[in-house]
Amino acid sequence: MPADRMRLAAIDAYIERLFVPADPALAANLRRAEAAGLPAIQVSPSEGKLLWLLTRMCGARRALEIGTLGGYSTTWIARGLLPGGTIVTLERSEAHAAVARASLASVDADVAVDVRVGPAAAHLAAMAAGGEPPFDVVFIDADKPGYERYLALVMPLVRVGSLILADNVIRDGAVMDEPPPDDNARGAAAFNRALAAHPRLEAVVVPIVRQGIDGLAIALVVR
């Protein structure tokens, strides 16, 4: 690993060591995902803690996640909800959803967890058409080419004061290239432009350090 990457990994490990104590349930979640052959692309422990903090700070009762994978970030968000809250999480793969359900069954929080399987865009459109109550927190962590569309589809599902969060929006700086080098970077770059220009949102991207540099978009619905 190059020296700069080693330094970034050391910084992330330092933050995790100080602020994210070992957690048996989350560790079991990661082991279950690995045993099932899921890709190790979940948020880092320190970013999971950030999701928990943001959820808790806004007093959220209802959360929506796009991209469940093995349920690791779902667990962090669920734990941040107020007692009696609900998290709806959307996952395209039934195999991934099965792993997530097994892990989420033991979430130590007084919340309801609703895992819905199928294309996220179809679920979001149906939720808006069906009058789904608004969500206080939305977390987007799915296919990057779909991010811009997901943003448009979640806007009918939020209210003034809701938070919209999106992971992997810097991609080691590839979003700054003209043109971005791959579909993921192009999708993230298009999402960032749409987020910055959206008339209902005030937003910023916070760099996330792991073995490289990525980013978490944080947007507040202001109108």
Protein backbone atom coordinates (compact mmCIF):
# COMPACT_ATOMS: atom_id res chain seq x y z
CA MET A 1 0.00 0.00 0.00
CA PRO A 2 1.44 3.45 -0.91
CA ALA A 3 2.53 5.62 2.00
CA ASP A 4 -0.33 8.11 1.58
CA ARG A 5 -2.88 5.30 1.59
CA MET A 6 -1.31 3.83 4.71
CA ARG A 7 -1.59 7.22 6.41
CA LEU A 8 -5.27 7.53 5.50
CA ALA A 9 -5.96 4.01 6.76
CA ALA A 10 -4.14 4.85 10.00
CA ILE A 11 -6.26 8.00 10.45
CA ASP A 12 -9.47 6.00 10.01
CA ALA A 13 -8.20 3.38 12.47
CA TYR A 14 -7.38 6.13 14.98
CA ILE A 15 -10.90 7.57 14.76
CA GLU A 16 -12.45 4.13 15.06
CA ARG A 17 -10.29 3.22 18.04
CA LEU A 18 -11.31 6.35 19.96
CA PHE A 19 -14.95 6.72 19.03
CA VAL A 20 -16.35 3.37 17.87
CA PRO A 21 -16.01 0.67 20.56
CA ALA A 22 -16.19 -2.96 19.51
CA ASP A 23 -19.79 -4.07 19.09
CA PRO A 24 -20.65 -7.81 19.09
CA ALA A 25 -23.85 -7.43 17.05
CA LEU A 26 -22.17 -5.37 14.34
CA ALA A 27 -19.20 -7.73 14.26
CA ALA A 28 -21.58 -10.66 13.81
CA ASN A 29 -23.29 -8.76 11.00
CA LEU A 30 -19.99 -8.43 9.15
CA ARG A 31 -19.10 -12.09 9.69
CA ARG A 32 -22.49 -13.21 8.38
CA ALA A 33 -22.11 -11.02 5.28
CA GLU A 34 -18.60 -12.33 4.62
CA ALA A 35 -19.70 -15.96 5.04
CA ALA A 36 -22.48 -15.37 2.51
CA GLY A 37 -20.03 -13.95 -0.02
CA LEU A 38 -21.38 -10.39 0.01
CA PRO A 39 -18.96 -7.73 -1.25
CA ALA A 40 -17.20 -5.85 1.56
CA ILE A 41 -18.52 -2.46 0.48
CA GLN A 42 -20.49 -1.50 3.58
CA VAL A 43 -19.78 1.79 5.34
CA SER A 44 -16.83 1.85 7.72
CA PRO A 45 -17.47 1.68 11.48
CA SER A 46 -16.65 5.38 11.85
CA GLU A 47 -19.05 6.33 9.04
CA GLY A 48 -21.67 4.09 10.63
CA LYS A 49 -21.22 6.06 13.85
CA LEU A 50 -21.70 9.27 11.85
CA LEU A 51 -24.97 7.93 10.41
CA TRP A 52 -26.12 7.08 13.94
CA LEU A 53 -25.21 10.57 15.19
CA LEU A 54 -27.00 12.36 12.35
CA THR A 55 -30.10 10.22 12.81
CA ARG A 56 -30.12 10.81 16.54
CA MET A 57 -29.39 14.55 16.24
CA CYS A 58 -32.43 15.20 14.06
CA GLY A 59 -34.75 13.20 16.32
CA ALA A 60 -35.74 10.88 13.49
CA ARG A 61 -38.64 8.48 13.81
CA ARG A 62 -38.77 7.30 10.19
CA ALA A 63 -35.80 6.41 8.00
CA LEU A 64 -35.44 5.22 4.42
CA GLU A 65 -32.36 3.43 3.12
CA ILE A 66 -31.64 2.71 -0.54
CA GLY A 67 -29.19 -0.20 -0.69
CA THR A 68 -29.36 -2.62 2.25
CA LEU A 69 -26.52 -5.03 1.39
CA GLY A 70 -26.04 -7.05 4.62
CA GLY A 71 -27.81 -4.59 6.91
CA TYR A 72 -24.72 -3.04 8.51
CA SER A 73 -25.59 0.61 7.87
CA THR A 74 -29.25 -0.28 8.44
CA THR A 75 -28.36 -1.31 11.97
CA TRP A 76 -26.55 1.93 12.69
CA ILE A 77 -29.46 4.03 11.43
CA ALA A 78 -32.08 1.90 13.21
CA ARG A 79 -30.26 2.36 16.50
CA GLY A 80 -30.36 6.13 16.00
CA LEU A 81 -34.13 6.29 15.61
CA LEU A 82 -36.41 7.27 18.46
CA PRO A 83 -38.21 4.39 20.23
CA GLY A 84 -41.14 3.18 18.18
CA GLY A 85 -39.53 4.32 14.96
CA THR A 86 -39.42 2.60 11.57
CA ILE A 87 -36.73 2.06 8.97
CA VAL A 88 -37.65 0.98 5.44
CA THR A 89 -34.67 -0.39 3.53
CA LEU A 90 -34.67 -1.25 -0.18
CA GLU A 91 -32.49 -4.01 -1.63
CA ARG A 92 -32.45 -5.34 -5.19
CA SER A 93 -30.97 -8.76 -4.31
CA GLU A 94 -33.07 -11.32 -2.44
CA ALA A 95 -29.86 -13.08 -1.36
CA HIS A 96 -28.50 -9.89 0.19
CA ALA A 97 -31.87 -9.17 1.81
CA ALA A 98 -31.90 -12.61 3.42
CA VAL A 99 -28.53 -11.95 5.03
CA ALA A 100 -29.72 -8.54 6.19
CA ARG A 101 -32.92 -9.91 7.70
CA ALA A 102 -30.94 -12.44 9.73
CA SER A 103 -28.72 -9.69 11.13
CA LEU A 104 -31.50 -7.16 11.64
CA ALA A 105 -33.62 -9.63 13.61
CA SER A 106 -31.36 -8.98 16.59
CA VAL A 107 -31.11 -5.18 16.33
CA ASP A 108 -31.11 -3.92 19.93
CA ALA A 109 -33.46 -1.02 19.28
CA ASP A 110 -37.19 -0.52 19.74
CA VAL A 111 -37.84 0.04 16.04
CA ALA A 112 -39.57 -1.73 13.16
CA VAL A 113 -37.35 -2.83 10.26
CA ASP A 114 -39.01 -3.28 6.85
CA VAL A 115 -36.77 -4.86 4.18
CA ARG A 116 -38.30 -4.54 0.70
CA VAL A 117 -36.80 -6.41 -2.24
CA GLY A 118 -36.76 -5.22 -5.85
CA PRO A 119 -35.64 -2.26 -7.95
CA ALA A 120 -35.41 0.82 -5.73
CA ALA A 121 -36.84 3.18 -8.34
CA ALA A 122 -40.02 1.12 -8.63
CA HIS A 123 -40.40 0.97 -4.85
CA LEU A 124 -39.88 4.73 -4.47
CA ALA A 125 -42.42 5.56 -7.18
CA ALA A 126 -44.97 3.22 -5.61
CA MET A 127 -44.37 4.68 -2.16
CA ALA A 128 -44.99 8.22 -3.41
CA ALA A 129 -48.09 7.16 -5.33
CA GLY A 130 -49.39 5.27 -2.29
CA GLY A 131 -49.08 8.23 0.08
CA GLU A 132 -46.23 6.85 2.19
CA PRO A 133 -45.69 9.13 5.22
CA PRO A 134 -42.58 11.34 4.95
CA PHE A 135 -39.19 10.15 6.14
CA ASP A 136 -36.99 12.12 8.52
CA VAL A 137 -33.73 10.58 7.24
CA VAL A 138 -32.90 9.10 3.83
CA PHE A 139 -29.62 7.26 3.17
CA ILE A 140 -28.64 6.47 -0.42
CA ASP A 141 -25.93 3.83 -0.82
CA ALA A 142 -26.70 1.85 -3.94
CA ASP A 143 -25.74 1.86 -7.64
CA LYS A 144 -24.06 5.19 -8.34
CA PRO A 145 -25.52 5.64 -11.86
CA GLY A 146 -28.95 5.62 -10.21
CA TYR A 147 -28.20 8.29 -7.60
CA GLU A 148 -29.56 11.28 -9.53
CA ARG A 149 -32.82 9.45 -10.25
CA TYR A 150 -33.10 8.30 -6.64
CA LEU A 151 -32.75 11.90 -5.48
CA ALA A 152 -35.66 12.96 -7.66
CA LEU A 153 -37.77 10.03 -6.48
CA VAL A 154 -37.19 10.62 -2.77
CA MET A 155 -38.14 14.30 -2.85
CA PRO A 156 -41.90 13.54 -2.62
CA LEU A 157 -41.10 11.33 0.40
CA VAL A 158 -39.44 13.98 2.59
CA ARG A 159 -40.50 17.14 4.40
CA VAL A 160 -38.90 20.38 5.53
CA GLY A 161 -36.29 19.40 8.10
CA SER A 162 -35.58 15.94 6.65
CA LEU A 163 -31.98 14.86 6.00
CA ILE A 164 -30.88 13.22 2.76
CA LEU A 165 -27.52 11.43 2.99
CA ALA A 166 -25.59 9.74 0.18
CA ASP A 167 -22.40 7.70 0.34
CA ASN A 168 -19.44 7.38 -2.06
CA VAL A 169 -19.83 10.75 -3.78
CA ILE A 170 -16.14 11.72 -4.09
CA ARG A 171 -14.62 8.42 -5.29
CA ASP A 172 -11.01 9.38 -4.62
CA GLY A 173 -11.53 12.61 -6.54
CA ALA A 174 -12.65 10.92 -9.76
CA VAL A 175 -15.85 13.04 -9.73
CA MET A 176 -13.65 16.07 -10.49
CA ASP A 177 -12.23 14.62 -13.71
CA GLU A 178 -13.59 15.86 -17.03
CA PRO A 179 -15.04 13.55 -18.03
CA PRO A 180 -15.24 11.25 -15.00
CA PRO A 181 -13.49 7.96 -15.81
CA ASP A 182 -16.27 5.41 -15.21
CA ASP A 183 -20.00 4.97 -14.71
CA ASN A 184 -19.76 5.16 -10.92
CA ALA A 185 -17.82 8.43 -10.96
CA ARG A 186 -20.12 9.87 -13.63
CA GLY A 187 -23.18 8.92 -11.58
CA ALA A 188 -21.76 10.42 -8.40
CA ALA A 189 -20.73 13.62 -10.20
CA ALA A 190 -24.20 14.02 -11.73
CA PHE A 191 -25.76 13.48 -8.31
CA ASN A 192 -23.50 16.10 -6.72
CA ARG A 193 -24.46 18.67 -9.35
CA ALA A 194 -28.16 17.90 -8.91
CA LEU A 195 -27.85 18.09 -5.13
CA ALA A 196 -26.05 21.45 -5.24
CA ALA A 197 -28.62 22.94 -7.63
CA HIS A 198 -31.79 21.57 -6.04
CA PRO A 199 -34.11 24.42 -4.98
CA ARG A 200 -35.41 22.56 -1.92
CA LEU A 201 -32.05 21.56 -0.48
CA GLU A 202 -29.02 23.01 1.28
CA ALA A 203 -26.16 20.54 1.11
CA VAL A 204 -22.46 19.86 1.55
CA VAL A 205 -20.14 16.89 1.04
CA VAL A 206 -18.00 15.77 3.97
CA PRO A 207 -14.81 13.89 2.99
CA ILE A 208 -14.64 10.36 4.39
CA VAL A 209 -11.22 8.88 5.07
CA ARG A 210 -10.57 5.17 4.78
CA GLN A 211 -7.84 3.74 2.52
CA GLY A 212 -8.60 6.56 0.13
CA ILE A 213 -10.83 9.61 0.10
CA ASP A 214 -14.55 9.36 -0.49
CA GLY A 215 -17.41 11.51 0.70
CA LEU A 216 -20.79 11.58 2.41
CA ALA A 217 -23.30 14.08 1.02
CA ILE A 218 -25.47 15.70 3.68
CA ALA A 219 -28.51 17.66 2.55
CA LEU A 220 -31.21 19.40 4.58
CA VAL A 221 -34.67 19.87 3.08
CA VAL A 222 -35.35 23.58 3.61
CA ARG A 223 -38.50 24.15 1.57
